[in-house]
Amino acid sequence: MSNVLIIKHGSLGDLVQALGAIKDIKSSFKDDKVLLLTSKPFTELMSQCPFIDGILTDKRLPRWNVFYLLKLKKLLKRYNFSHIFDLQNSSRTKFYKKFILEKNIKWSSSETALEIGEKKSDFDKSPVLERMQVQLKKSGINTANTMNVDLSWSLIDVSRLIKQYTNGEYLLLFPFCSKKHIKKIWPYYKELINKIKEFYKDKYSILVAPGPGEVEMAKKLGAKLVLDDNKPVNLNTLISLIDKAKFIISNDTGPAHISHHMNKKGLVIFGSHTSPKKVSIGNLELKSIQVEDLKKLKPDAVMESISKSLN
């Protein structure tokens, strides 16, 4: 039995999208130990994943922190990996390959997926899931699941929270994004919430599930905040609340990816930073609106799209 490493640090949406690929890698190495190198926010969730045999946590400290890099190098060397699948494909993982990982390991990355003469910048223009599929196929992996993410293993009972915060059916909104991607945020969620209340009266409860650091901003929106013991819900709870929701309204963020792969009815709002196709969001149930300038997308237009899909 050999050890196989998958690298996927995050973010939440990126990690969710990689779950099908992770399942395919494990299927190809059934008799081997498949470990995941990820970051701390995702260790609890991924430790439950049936396609992973163990978790290694990367603090992702600055690369000038030589002491940490030596510690990480020692940890990874201990496992004597036969294969590494870099699903993060970042400058950090490229650095790891060059400076802290053994040279005799079979390495799979977006760069190993390139055709002769193909530029990585051109390859990266393809949709995320398609790129992962090409990468794994080039590495000899059967990609039966790469395009079809299974989140059923992560679901838990959230009936207590649903009973606490709703009278039955609910709309679940995700008005925020990580601090690194504030350009993804549509600025009129408060106005939209007022319009939803006016249009649907008491038919649906309107919920927001804020993440760490988002609670105070969420309090200003006029929706019910879903908290567990006055704290943001964990990822299992978040995924399970999405699963039970009547409709999802979201920026281009992790919960939108979850909604896509759970085939949830909803609407995702995009600015000019990317496209639904490139990030592999959108299907018959989950629609999208894309505009050049999010500030110019008025609540009436979003409300019209919601009412067409929800009614």
C-alpha atoms as a PDB file:
ATOM      1  CA  MET A   1       0.000   0.000   0.000  1.00  0.00           C
ATOM      2  CA  SER A   2       1.303   3.440  -0.929  1.00  0.00           C
ATOM      3  CA  ASN A   3       0.333   6.940   0.163  1.00  0.00           C
ATOM      4  CA  VAL A   4      -1.302   9.394  -2.230  1.00  0.00           C
ATOM      5  CA  LEU A   5      -1.680  13.124  -1.553  1.00  0.00           C
ATOM      6  CA  ILE A   6      -4.341  15.492  -2.852  1.00  0.00           C
ATOM      7  CA  ILE A   7      -3.715  19.210  -2.355  1.00  0.00           C
ATOM      8  CA  LYS A   8      -6.781  21.437  -2.104  1.00  0.00           C
ATOM      9  CA  HIS A   9      -6.474  24.320   0.338  1.00  0.00           C
ATOM     10  CA  GLY A  10      -9.811  25.994  -0.436  1.00  0.00           C
ATOM     11  CA  SER A  11     -11.818  28.115  -0.815  1.00  0.00           C
ATOM     12  CA  LEU A  12     -15.141  26.513   0.164  1.00  0.00           C
ATOM     13  CA  GLY A  13     -16.557  26.663  -3.356  1.00  0.00           C
ATOM     14  CA  ASP A  14     -13.325  25.390  -4.904  1.00  0.00           C
ATOM     15  CA  LEU A  15     -13.137  22.526  -2.429  1.00  0.00           C
ATOM     16  CA  VAL A  16     -16.740  21.521  -3.067  1.00  0.00           C
ATOM     17  CA  GLN A  17     -16.092  21.513  -6.805  1.00  0.00           C
ATOM     18  CA  ALA A  18     -13.128  19.195  -6.297  1.00  0.00           C
ATOM     19  CA  LEU A  19     -15.120  16.529  -4.433  1.00  0.00           C
ATOM     20  CA  GLY A  20     -15.978  14.604  -7.590  1.00  0.00           C
ATOM     21  CA  ALA A  21     -12.316  14.587  -8.610  1.00  0.00           C
ATOM     22  CA  ILE A  22     -11.324  13.483  -5.119  1.00  0.00           C
ATOM     23  CA  LYS A  23     -13.782  10.593  -5.363  1.00  0.00           C
ATOM     24  CA  ASP A  24     -12.305   9.563  -8.709  1.00  0.00           C
ATOM     25  CA  ILE A  25      -8.756   9.650  -7.347  1.00  0.00           C
ATOM     26  CA  LYS A  26      -9.761   7.445  -4.423  1.00  0.00           C
ATOM     27  CA  SER A  27     -11.504   5.035  -6.811  1.00  0.00           C
ATOM     28  CA  SER A  28      -8.244   4.711  -8.728  1.00  0.00           C
ATOM     29  CA  PHE A  29      -6.269   4.091  -5.531  1.00  0.00           C
ATOM     30  CA  LYS A  30      -8.715   1.882  -3.626  1.00  0.00           C
ATOM     31  CA  ASP A  31      -5.992  -0.113  -1.898  1.00  0.00           C
ATOM     32  CA  ASP A  32      -3.846   2.910  -1.058  1.00  0.00           C
ATOM     33  CA  LYS A  33      -4.099   5.611   1.577  1.00  0.00           C
ATOM     34  CA  VAL A  34      -5.366   8.895   0.122  1.00  0.00           C
ATOM     35  CA  LEU A  35      -4.636  11.984   2.209  1.00  0.00           C
ATOM     36  CA  LEU A  36      -5.827  15.552   1.732  1.00  0.00           C
ATOM     37  CA  LEU A  37      -3.673  18.616   2.412  1.00  0.00           C
ATOM     38  CA  THR A  38      -6.062  21.469   3.137  1.00  0.00           C
ATOM     39  CA  SER A  39      -6.458  24.533   5.347  1.00  0.00           C
ATOM     40  CA  LYS A  40      -7.938  24.683   8.827  1.00  0.00           C
ATOM     41  CA  PRO A  41     -11.465  25.969   7.981  1.00  0.00           C
ATOM     42  CA  PHE A  42     -12.154  22.754   6.056  1.00  0.00           C
ATOM     43  CA  THR A  43     -10.525  20.064   8.181  1.00  0.00           C
ATOM     44  CA  GLU A  44     -13.642  19.276  10.234  1.00  0.00           C
ATOM     45  CA  LEU A  45     -15.856  18.852   7.180  1.00  0.00           C
ATOM     46  CA  MET A  46     -13.336  16.933   5.096  1.00  0.00           C
ATOM     47  CA  SER A  47     -12.439  14.570   7.929  1.00  0.00           C
ATOM     48  CA  GLN A  48     -15.924  13.111   7.379  1.00  0.00           C
ATOM     49  CA  CYS A  49     -15.486  12.672   3.627  1.00  0.00           C
ATOM     50  CA  PRO A  50     -15.701   8.974   2.673  1.00  0.00           C
ATOM     51  CA  PHE A  51     -13.251   9.476  -0.214  1.00  0.00           C
ATOM     52  CA  ILE A  52     -10.421  10.599   2.076  1.00  0.00           C
ATOM     53  CA  ASP A  53      -8.386   8.430   4.448  1.00  0.00           C
ATOM     54  CA  GLY A  54      -6.767  11.247   6.396  1.00  0.00           C
ATOM     55  CA  ILE A  55      -6.311  15.012   6.661  1.00  0.00           C
ATOM     56  CA  LEU A  56      -3.118  17.073   6.800  1.00  0.00           C
ATOM     57  CA  THR A  57      -3.501  20.741   7.752  1.00  0.00           C
ATOM     58  CA  ASP A  58      -1.475  23.448   6.052  1.00  0.00           C
ATOM     59  CA  LYS A  59      -1.360  26.774   7.911  1.00  0.00           C
ATOM     60  CA  ARG A  60      -0.289  28.455   4.660  1.00  0.00           C
ATOM     61  CA  LEU A  61       2.082  30.778   6.462  1.00  0.00           C
ATOM     62  CA  PRO A  62       4.163  33.234   4.414  1.00  0.00           C
ATOM     63  CA  ARG A  63       6.794  31.533   2.312  1.00  0.00           C
ATOM     64  CA  TRP A  64       9.567  33.460   4.005  1.00  0.00           C
ATOM     65  CA  ASN A  65       8.728  31.536   7.195  1.00  0.00           C
ATOM     66  CA  VAL A  66      11.514  29.009   6.744  1.00  0.00           C
ATOM     67  CA  PHE A  67      10.868  27.284  10.057  1.00  0.00           C
ATOM     68  CA  TYR A  68       7.303  26.473   9.066  1.00  0.00           C
ATOM     69  CA  LEU A  69       8.330  25.268   5.613  1.00  0.00           C
ATOM     70  CA  LEU A  70      10.920  22.936   7.107  1.00  0.00           C
ATOM     71  CA  LYS A  71       8.301  21.581   9.502  1.00  0.00           C
ATOM     72  CA  LEU A  72       5.856  21.020   6.639  1.00  0.00           C
ATOM     73  CA  LYS A  73       8.571  19.405   4.527  1.00  0.00           C
ATOM     74  CA  LYS A  74       9.391  17.000   7.355  1.00  0.00           C
ATOM     75  CA  LEU A  75       5.706  16.130   7.783  1.00  0.00           C
ATOM     76  CA  LEU A  76       5.144  15.415   4.086  1.00  0.00           C
ATOM     77  CA  LYS A  77       8.386  13.462   3.723  1.00  0.00           C
ATOM     78  CA  ARG A  78       7.227  11.108   6.478  1.00  0.00           C
ATOM     79  CA  TYR A  79       4.492   9.713   4.213  1.00  0.00           C
ATOM     80  CA  ASN A  80       6.737   8.923   1.249  1.00  0.00           C
ATOM     81  CA  PHE A  81       3.995   9.767  -1.253  1.00  0.00           C
ATOM     82  CA  SER A  82       3.957   7.887  -4.538  1.00  0.00           C
ATOM     83  CA  HIS A  83       1.578  10.340  -6.234  1.00  0.00           C
ATOM     84  CA  ILE A  84       0.511  13.936  -5.619  1.00  0.00           C
ATOM     85  CA  PHE A  85      -2.558  15.463  -7.241  1.00  0.00           C
ATOM     86  CA  ASP A  86      -2.378  19.233  -7.106  1.00  0.00           C
ATOM     87  CA  LEU A  87      -5.994  20.363  -7.428  1.00  0.00           C
ATOM     88  CA  GLN A  88      -5.177  23.826  -6.071  1.00  0.00           C
ATOM     89  CA  ASN A  89      -2.806  24.687  -8.921  1.00  0.00           C
ATOM     90  CA  SER A  90      -1.574  27.848  -7.227  1.00  0.00           C
ATOM     91  CA  SER A  91       1.764  29.621  -6.966  1.00  0.00           C
ATOM     92  CA  ARG A  92       2.039  28.167  -3.453  1.00  0.00           C
ATOM     93  CA  THR A  93       1.680  24.554  -4.580  1.00  0.00           C
ATOM     94  CA  LYS A  94       4.094  25.184  -7.427  1.00  0.00           C
ATOM     95  CA  PHE A  95       6.533  26.479  -4.802  1.00  0.00           C
ATOM     96  CA  TYR A  96       5.969  23.359  -2.686  1.00  0.00           C
ATOM     97  CA  LYS A  97       6.728  21.131  -5.665  1.00  0.00           C
ATOM     98  CA  LYS A  98       9.975  22.940  -6.338  1.00  0.00           C
ATOM     99  CA  PHE A  99      11.300  23.409  -2.811  1.00  0.00           C
ATOM    100  CA  ILE A 100       9.754  21.113  -0.208  1.00  0.00           C
ATOM    101  CA  LEU A 101       8.524  17.951  -1.936  1.00  0.00           C
ATOM    102  CA  GLU A 102      10.604  15.001  -3.051  1.00  0.00           C
ATOM    103  CA  LYS A 103      11.548  14.980  -6.745  1.00  0.00           C
ATOM    104  CA  ASN A 104      10.672  11.336  -7.444  1.00  0.00           C
ATOM    105  CA  ILE A 105       6.925  11.722  -6.764  1.00  0.00           C
ATOM    106  CA  LYS A 106       4.509  11.369  -9.682  1.00  0.00           C
ATOM    107  CA  TRP A 107       2.956  14.820  -9.893  1.00  0.00           C
ATOM    108  CA  SER A 108      -0.381  15.807 -11.444  1.00  0.00           C
ATOM    109  CA  SER A 109      -1.305  19.455 -11.977  1.00  0.00           C
ATOM    110  CA  SER A 110      -2.808  21.745 -14.572  1.00  0.00           C
ATOM    111  CA  GLU A 111       0.691  22.084 -16.049  1.00  0.00           C
ATOM    112  CA  THR A 112       0.998  18.322 -16.585  1.00  0.00           C
ATOM    113  CA  ALA A 113      -2.366  18.494 -18.387  1.00  0.00           C
ATOM    114  CA  LEU A 114      -1.176  20.919 -21.066  1.00  0.00           C
ATOM    115  CA  GLU A 115      -0.871  19.797 -24.661  1.00  0.00           C
ATOM    116  CA  ILE A 116       2.445  20.401 -26.391  1.00  0.00           C
ATOM    117  CA  GLY A 117       2.658  24.119 -27.125  1.00  0.00           C
ATOM    118  CA  GLU A 118      -0.452  24.954 -25.066  1.00  0.00           C
ATOM    119  CA  LYS A 119      -0.171  27.915 -22.692  1.00  0.00           C
ATOM    120  CA  LYS A 120      -1.453  27.580 -19.135  1.00  0.00           C
ATOM    121  CA  SER A 121      -3.182  30.964 -19.484  1.00  0.00           C
ATOM    122  CA  ASP A 122      -5.248  29.499 -22.346  1.00  0.00           C
ATOM    123  CA  PHE A 123      -5.951  26.274 -20.450  1.00  0.00           C
ATOM    124  CA  ASP A 124      -7.180  28.294 -17.455  1.00  0.00           C
ATOM    125  CA  LYS A 125      -9.883  29.922 -19.570  1.00  0.00           C
ATOM    126  CA  SER A 126     -11.835  26.657 -19.625  1.00  0.00           C
ATOM    127  CA  PRO A 127     -14.513  25.950 -16.979  1.00  0.00           C
ATOM    128  CA  VAL A 128     -13.147  24.728 -13.647  1.00  0.00           C
ATOM    129  CA  LEU A 129     -14.626  21.236 -13.753  1.00  0.00           C
ATOM    130  CA  GLU A 130     -13.513  20.680 -17.332  1.00  0.00           C
ATOM    131  CA  ARG A 131      -9.945  21.602 -16.385  1.00  0.00           C
ATOM    132  CA  MET A 132      -9.992  19.148 -13.504  1.00  0.00           C
ATOM    133  CA  GLN A 133     -11.340  16.430 -15.761  1.00  0.00           C
ATOM    134  CA  VAL A 134      -8.597  16.984 -18.337  1.00  0.00           C
ATOM    135  CA  GLN A 135      -5.919  17.006 -15.616  1.00  0.00           C
ATOM    136  CA  LEU A 136      -7.073  13.703 -14.134  1.00  0.00           C
ATOM    137  CA  LYS A 137      -7.501  12.001 -17.498  1.00  0.00           C
ATOM    138  CA  LYS A 138      -3.947  12.982 -18.420  1.00  0.00           C
ATOM    139  CA  SER A 139      -2.876  11.318 -15.163  1.00  0.00           C
ATOM    140  CA  GLY A 140      -4.668   8.082 -16.004  1.00  0.00           C
ATOM    141  CA  ILE A 141      -7.653   8.599 -13.698  1.00  0.00           C
ATOM    142  CA  ASN A 142     -11.152   7.470 -14.654  1.00  0.00           C
ATOM    143  CA  THR A 143     -13.224  10.657 -14.299  1.00  0.00           C
ATOM    144  CA  ALA A 144     -16.681   9.127 -13.861  1.00  0.00           C
ATOM    145  CA  ASN A 145     -17.487  11.441 -10.933  1.00  0.00           C
ATOM    146  CA  THR A 146     -15.417  14.570 -11.561  1.00  0.00           C
ATOM    147  CA  MET A 147     -18.308  16.511 -13.095  1.00  0.00           C
ATOM    148  CA  ASN A 148     -20.858  15.221 -10.559  1.00  0.00           C
ATOM    149  CA  VAL A 149     -20.202  16.229  -6.975  1.00  0.00           C
ATOM    150  CA  ASP A 150     -21.777  14.140  -4.195  1.00  0.00           C
ATOM    151  CA  LEU A 151     -22.464  16.011  -0.948  1.00  0.00           C
ATOM    152  CA  SER A 152     -24.894  13.537   0.592  1.00  0.00           C
ATOM    153  CA  TRP A 153     -22.296  12.348   3.116  1.00  0.00           C
ATOM    154  CA  SER A 154     -22.109  15.842   4.650  1.00  0.00           C
ATOM    155  CA  LEU A 155     -25.803  16.236   5.470  1.00  0.00           C
ATOM    156  CA  ILE A 156     -27.025  16.365   9.061  1.00  0.00           C
ATOM    157  CA  ASP A 157     -30.374  16.903  10.788  1.00  0.00           C
ATOM    158  CA  VAL A 158     -31.163  20.645  10.907  1.00  0.00           C
ATOM    159  CA  SER A 159     -34.838  20.335  11.837  1.00  0.00           C
ATOM    160  CA  ARG A 160     -34.200  22.091  15.175  1.00  0.00           C
ATOM    161  CA  LEU A 161     -32.852  25.207  13.456  1.00  0.00           C
ATOM    162  CA  ILE A 162     -35.547  25.171  10.775  1.00  0.00           C
ATOM    163  CA  LYS A 163     -38.220  25.011  13.485  1.00  0.00           C
ATOM    164  CA  GLN A 164     -36.480  27.773  15.426  1.00  0.00           C
ATOM    165  CA  TYR A 165     -36.141  30.225  12.547  1.00  0.00           C
ATOM    166  CA  THR A 166     -38.979  29.451  10.124  1.00  0.00           C
ATOM    167  CA  ASN A 167     -42.666  28.679   9.890  1.00  0.00           C
ATOM    168  CA  GLY A 168     -42.072  26.198   7.080  1.00  0.00           C
ATOM    169  CA  GLU A 169     -40.569  27.029   3.695  1.00  0.00           C
ATOM    170  CA  TYR A 170     -37.689  29.466   3.552  1.00  0.00           C
ATOM    171  CA  LEU A 171     -35.505  31.436   1.164  1.00  0.00           C
ATOM    172  CA  LEU A 172     -31.818  31.366   2.065  1.00  0.00           C
ATOM    173  CA  LEU A 173     -29.643  34.342   1.108  1.00  0.00           C
ATOM    174  CA  PHE A 174     -25.854  34.666   0.926  1.00  0.00           C
ATOM    175  CA  PRO A 175     -25.169  38.409   0.550  1.00  0.00           C
ATOM    176  CA  PHE A 176     -21.459  38.336   1.375  1.00  0.00           C
ATOM    177  CA  CYS A 177     -18.107  37.111   0.072  1.00  0.00           C
ATOM    178  CA  SER A 178     -14.621  36.743   1.441  1.00  0.00           C
ATOM    179  CA  LYS A 179     -12.766  39.983   2.135  1.00  0.00           C
ATOM    180  CA  LYS A 180     -10.479  39.243  -0.814  1.00  0.00           C
ATOM    181  CA  HIS A 181     -13.418  39.307  -3.235  1.00  0.00           C
ATOM    182  CA  ILE A 182     -15.593  42.253  -2.203  1.00  0.00           C
ATOM    183  CA  LYS A 183     -16.062  43.109  -5.878  1.00  0.00           C
ATOM    184  CA  LYS A 184     -18.390  40.081  -6.054  1.00  0.00           C
ATOM    185  CA  ILE A 185     -20.871  41.612  -3.609  1.00  0.00           C
ATOM    186  CA  TRP A 186     -24.157  42.953  -4.959  1.00  0.00           C
ATOM    187  CA  PRO A 187     -24.966  45.992  -2.764  1.00  0.00           C
ATOM    188  CA  TYR A 188     -28.782  45.905  -2.632  1.00  0.00           C
ATOM    189  CA  TYR A 189     -29.712  42.865  -0.561  1.00  0.00           C
ATOM    190  CA  LYS A 190     -31.515  44.940   2.083  1.00  0.00           C
ATOM    191  CA  GLU A 191     -33.738  46.488  -0.569  1.00  0.00           C
ATOM    192  CA  LEU A 192     -34.311  43.088  -2.160  1.00  0.00           C
ATOM    193  CA  ILE A 193     -35.353  41.564   1.160  1.00  0.00           C
ATOM    194  CA  ASN A 194     -37.943  44.324   1.585  1.00  0.00           C
ATOM    195  CA  LYS A 195     -39.321  43.612  -1.885  1.00  0.00           C
ATOM    196  CA  ILE A 196     -39.508  39.865  -1.203  1.00  0.00           C
ATOM    197  CA  LYS A 197     -41.454  40.540   2.004  1.00  0.00           C
ATOM    198  CA  GLU A 198     -43.800  42.880   0.150  1.00  0.00           C
ATOM    199  CA  PHE A 199     -44.357  40.431  -2.717  1.00  0.00           C
ATOM    200  CA  TYR A 200     -44.704  37.156  -0.820  1.00  0.00           C
ATOM    201  CA  LYS A 201     -46.014  38.492   2.525  1.00  0.00           C
ATOM    202  CA  ASP A 202     -45.642  35.652   5.053  1.00  0.00           C
ATOM    203  CA  LYS A 203     -45.423  32.824   2.535  1.00  0.00           C
ATOM    204  CA  TYR A 204     -41.687  32.299   3.054  1.00  0.00           C
ATOM    205  CA  SER A 205     -39.252  32.984   5.866  1.00  0.00           C
ATOM    206  CA  ILE A 206     -36.207  34.938   4.690  1.00  0.00           C
ATOM    207  CA  LEU A 207     -32.972  33.689   6.207  1.00  0.00           C
ATOM    208  CA  VAL A 208     -29.331  34.720   6.086  1.00  0.00           C
ATOM    209  CA  ALA A 209     -26.633  32.336   7.332  1.00  0.00           C
ATOM    210  CA  PRO A 210     -23.668  34.648   8.002  1.00  0.00           C
ATOM    211  CA  GLY A 211     -20.158  33.325   8.184  1.00  0.00           C
ATOM    212  CA  PRO A 212     -17.451  34.338  10.670  1.00  0.00           C
ATOM    213  CA  GLY A 213     -17.072  38.115  10.615  1.00  0.00           C
ATOM    214  CA  GLU A 214     -20.391  38.677   8.823  1.00  0.00           C
ATOM    215  CA  VAL A 215     -22.876  38.685  11.708  1.00  0.00           C
ATOM    216  CA  GLU A 216     -22.918  42.440  12.360  1.00  0.00           C
ATOM    217  CA  MET A 217     -23.366  43.233   8.664  1.00  0.00           C
ATOM    218  CA  ALA A 218     -26.124  40.635   8.394  1.00  0.00           C
ATOM    219  CA  LYS A 219     -28.074  42.220  11.265  1.00  0.00           C
ATOM    220  CA  LYS A 220     -28.624  45.311   9.101  1.00  0.00           C
ATOM    221  CA  LEU A 221     -30.383  43.463   6.265  1.00  0.00           C
ATOM    222  CA  GLY A 222     -33.799  42.845   7.809  1.00  0.00           C
ATOM    223  CA  ALA A 223     -33.732  39.047   7.460  1.00  0.00           C
ATOM    224  CA  LYS A 224     -33.605  36.372  10.147  1.00  0.00           C
ATOM    225  CA  LEU A 225     -30.058  35.374  11.042  1.00  0.00           C
ATOM    226  CA  VAL A 226     -29.488  31.646  11.363  1.00  0.00           C
ATOM    227  CA  LEU A 227     -27.040  31.141  14.216  1.00  0.00           C
ATOM    228  CA  ASP A 228     -26.302  28.084  16.310  1.00  0.00           C
ATOM    229  CA  ASP A 229     -25.687  28.942  19.958  1.00  0.00           C
ATOM    230  CA  ASN A 230     -25.243  32.565  18.810  1.00  0.00           C
ATOM    231  CA  LYS A 231     -22.400  31.560  16.490  1.00  0.00           C
ATOM    232  CA  PRO A 232     -22.170  31.079  12.711  1.00  0.00           C
ATOM    233  CA  VAL A 233     -23.232  27.576  11.735  1.00  0.00           C
ATOM    234  CA  ASN A 234     -20.608  24.997  10.792  1.00  0.00           C
ATOM    235  CA  LEU A 235     -20.204  23.728   7.243  1.00  0.00           C
ATOM    236  CA  ASN A 236     -22.299  20.583   7.740  1.00  0.00           C
ATOM    237  CA  THR A 237     -25.171  22.721   8.990  1.00  0.00           C
ATOM    238  CA  LEU A 238     -24.710  25.228   6.182  1.00  0.00           C
ATOM    239  CA  ILE A 239     -24.855  22.530   3.501  1.00  0.00           C
ATOM    240  CA  SER A 240     -27.898  20.942   5.165  1.00  0.00           C
ATOM    241  CA  LEU A 241     -29.740  24.283   5.360  1.00  0.00           C
ATOM    242  CA  ILE A 242     -29.091  24.792   1.654  1.00  0.00           C
ATOM    243  CA  ASP A 243     -30.426  21.300   1.004  1.00  0.00           C
ATOM    244  CA  LYS A 244     -33.738  22.092   2.754  1.00  0.00           C
ATOM    245  CA  ALA A 245     -34.211  25.612   1.356  1.00  0.00           C
ATOM    246  CA  LYS A 246     -36.984  26.465  -1.076  1.00  0.00           C
ATOM    247  CA  PHE A 247     -34.809  28.945  -2.973  1.00  0.00           C
ATOM    248  CA  ILE A 248     -31.223  30.254  -2.813  1.00  0.00           C
ATOM    249  CA  ILE A 249     -30.109  33.813  -3.594  1.00  0.00           C
ATOM    250  CA  SER A 250     -26.360  34.325  -3.591  1.00  0.00           C
ATOM    251  CA  ASN A 251     -23.334  36.165  -4.833  1.00  0.00           C
ATOM    252  CA  ASP A 252     -20.649  34.113  -6.586  1.00  0.00           C
ATOM    253  CA  THR A 253     -19.434  32.410  -3.429  1.00  0.00           C
ATOM    254  CA  GLY A 254     -19.070  28.983  -1.800  1.00  0.00           C
ATOM    255  CA  PRO A 255     -22.781  28.423  -1.051  1.00  0.00           C
ATOM    256  CA  ALA A 256     -23.568  29.085  -4.714  1.00  0.00           C
ATOM    257  CA  HIS A 257     -21.303  26.174  -5.683  1.00  0.00           C
ATOM    258  CA  ILE A 258     -22.966  23.988  -3.071  1.00  0.00           C
ATOM    259  CA  SER A 259     -26.401  24.971  -4.409  1.00  0.00           C
ATOM    260  CA  HIS A 260     -25.351  24.099  -7.948  1.00  0.00           C
ATOM    261  CA  HIS A 261     -24.162  20.630  -7.018  1.00  0.00           C
ATOM    262  CA  MET A 262     -27.266  19.975  -4.930  1.00  0.00           C
ATOM    263  CA  ASN A 263     -29.425  21.009  -7.890  1.00  0.00           C
ATOM    264  CA  LYS A 264     -31.166  23.678  -5.827  1.00  0.00           C
ATOM    265  CA  LYS A 265     -33.550  26.212  -7.282  1.00  0.00           C
ATOM    266  CA  GLY A 266     -32.106  29.692  -6.960  1.00  0.00           C
ATOM    267  CA  LEU A 267     -30.392  32.726  -8.422  1.00  0.00           C
ATOM    268  CA  VAL A 268     -26.698  33.664  -8.423  1.00  0.00           C
ATOM    269  CA  ILE A 269     -25.630  37.253  -9.093  1.00  0.00           C
ATOM    270  CA  PHE A 270     -22.436  37.854 -11.082  1.00  0.00           C
ATOM    271  CA  GLY A 271     -20.499  40.971 -11.901  1.00  0.00           C
ATOM    272  CA  SER A 272     -17.749  41.219 -14.491  1.00  0.00           C
ATOM    273  CA  HIS A 273     -15.107  39.408 -12.404  1.00  0.00           C
ATOM    274  CA  THR A 274     -15.864  36.049 -14.044  1.00  0.00           C
ATOM    275  CA  SER A 275     -18.696  34.167 -15.731  1.00  0.00           C
ATOM    276  CA  PRO A 276     -21.080  31.428 -14.544  1.00  0.00           C
ATOM    277  CA  LYS A 277     -19.682  29.106 -17.219  1.00  0.00           C
ATOM    278  CA  LYS A 278     -16.060  29.552 -16.182  1.00  0.00           C
ATOM    279  CA  VAL A 279     -16.744  28.797 -12.508  1.00  0.00           C
ATOM    280  CA  SER A 280     -19.169  25.972 -13.395  1.00  0.00           C
ATOM    281  CA  ILE A 281     -22.241  27.463 -11.700  1.00  0.00           C
ATOM    282  CA  GLY A 282     -25.718  27.157 -13.144  1.00  0.00           C
ATOM    283  CA  ASN A 283     -28.145  24.496 -14.356  1.00  0.00           C
ATOM    284  CA  LEU A 284     -31.858  24.157 -15.092  1.00  0.00           C
ATOM    285  CA  GLU A 285     -32.716  25.001 -11.479  1.00  0.00           C
ATOM    286  CA  LEU A 286     -29.999  27.470 -10.494  1.00  0.00           C
ATOM    287  CA  LYS A 287     -30.165  30.531 -12.727  1.00  0.00           C
ATOM    288  CA  SER A 288     -27.783  33.456 -12.914  1.00  0.00           C
ATOM    289  CA  ILE A 289     -27.778  37.156 -13.685  1.00  0.00           C
ATOM    290  CA  GLN A 290     -24.574  38.737 -14.954  1.00  0.00           C
ATOM    291  CA  VAL A 291     -23.967  42.455 -15.395  1.00  0.00           C
ATOM    292  CA  GLU A 292     -20.907  44.580 -16.053  1.00  0.00           C
ATOM    293  CA  ASP A 293     -21.450  46.790 -12.999  1.00  0.00           C
ATOM    294  CA  LEU A 294     -23.181  45.280  -9.949  1.00  0.00           C
ATOM    295  CA  LYS A 295     -24.103  48.746  -8.657  1.00  0.00           C
ATOM    296  CA  LYS A 296     -26.281  49.228 -11.737  1.00  0.00           C
ATOM    297  CA  LEU A 297     -28.271  46.018 -11.196  1.00  0.00           C
ATOM    298  CA  LYS A 298     -31.396  47.247  -9.441  1.00  0.00           C
ATOM    299  CA  PRO A 299     -33.468  45.227  -6.942  1.00  0.00           C
ATOM    300  CA  ASP A 300     -36.517  45.292  -9.232  1.00  0.00           C
ATOM    301  CA  ALA A 301     -34.639  43.348 -11.912  1.00  0.00           C
ATOM    302  CA  VAL A 302     -33.474  40.735  -9.411  1.00  0.00           C
ATOM    303  CA  MET A 303     -36.952  40.488  -7.895  1.00  0.00           C
ATOM    304  CA  GLU A 304     -38.411  39.867 -11.350  1.00  0.00           C
ATOM    305  CA  SER A 305     -36.001  36.962 -11.922  1.00  0.00           C
ATOM    306  CA  ILE A 306     -36.800  35.502  -8.507  1.00  0.00           C
ATOM    307  CA  SER A 307     -40.551  35.661  -9.025  1.00  0.00           C
ATOM    308  CA  LYS A 308     -40.275  33.949 -12.431  1.00  0.00           C
ATOM    309  CA  SER A 309     -38.246  31.078 -11.012  1.00  0.00           C
ATOM    310  CA  LEU A 310     -40.020  30.710  -7.678  1.00  0.00           C
ATOM    311  CA  ASN A 311     -43.641  30.868  -8.819  1.00  0.00           C
END
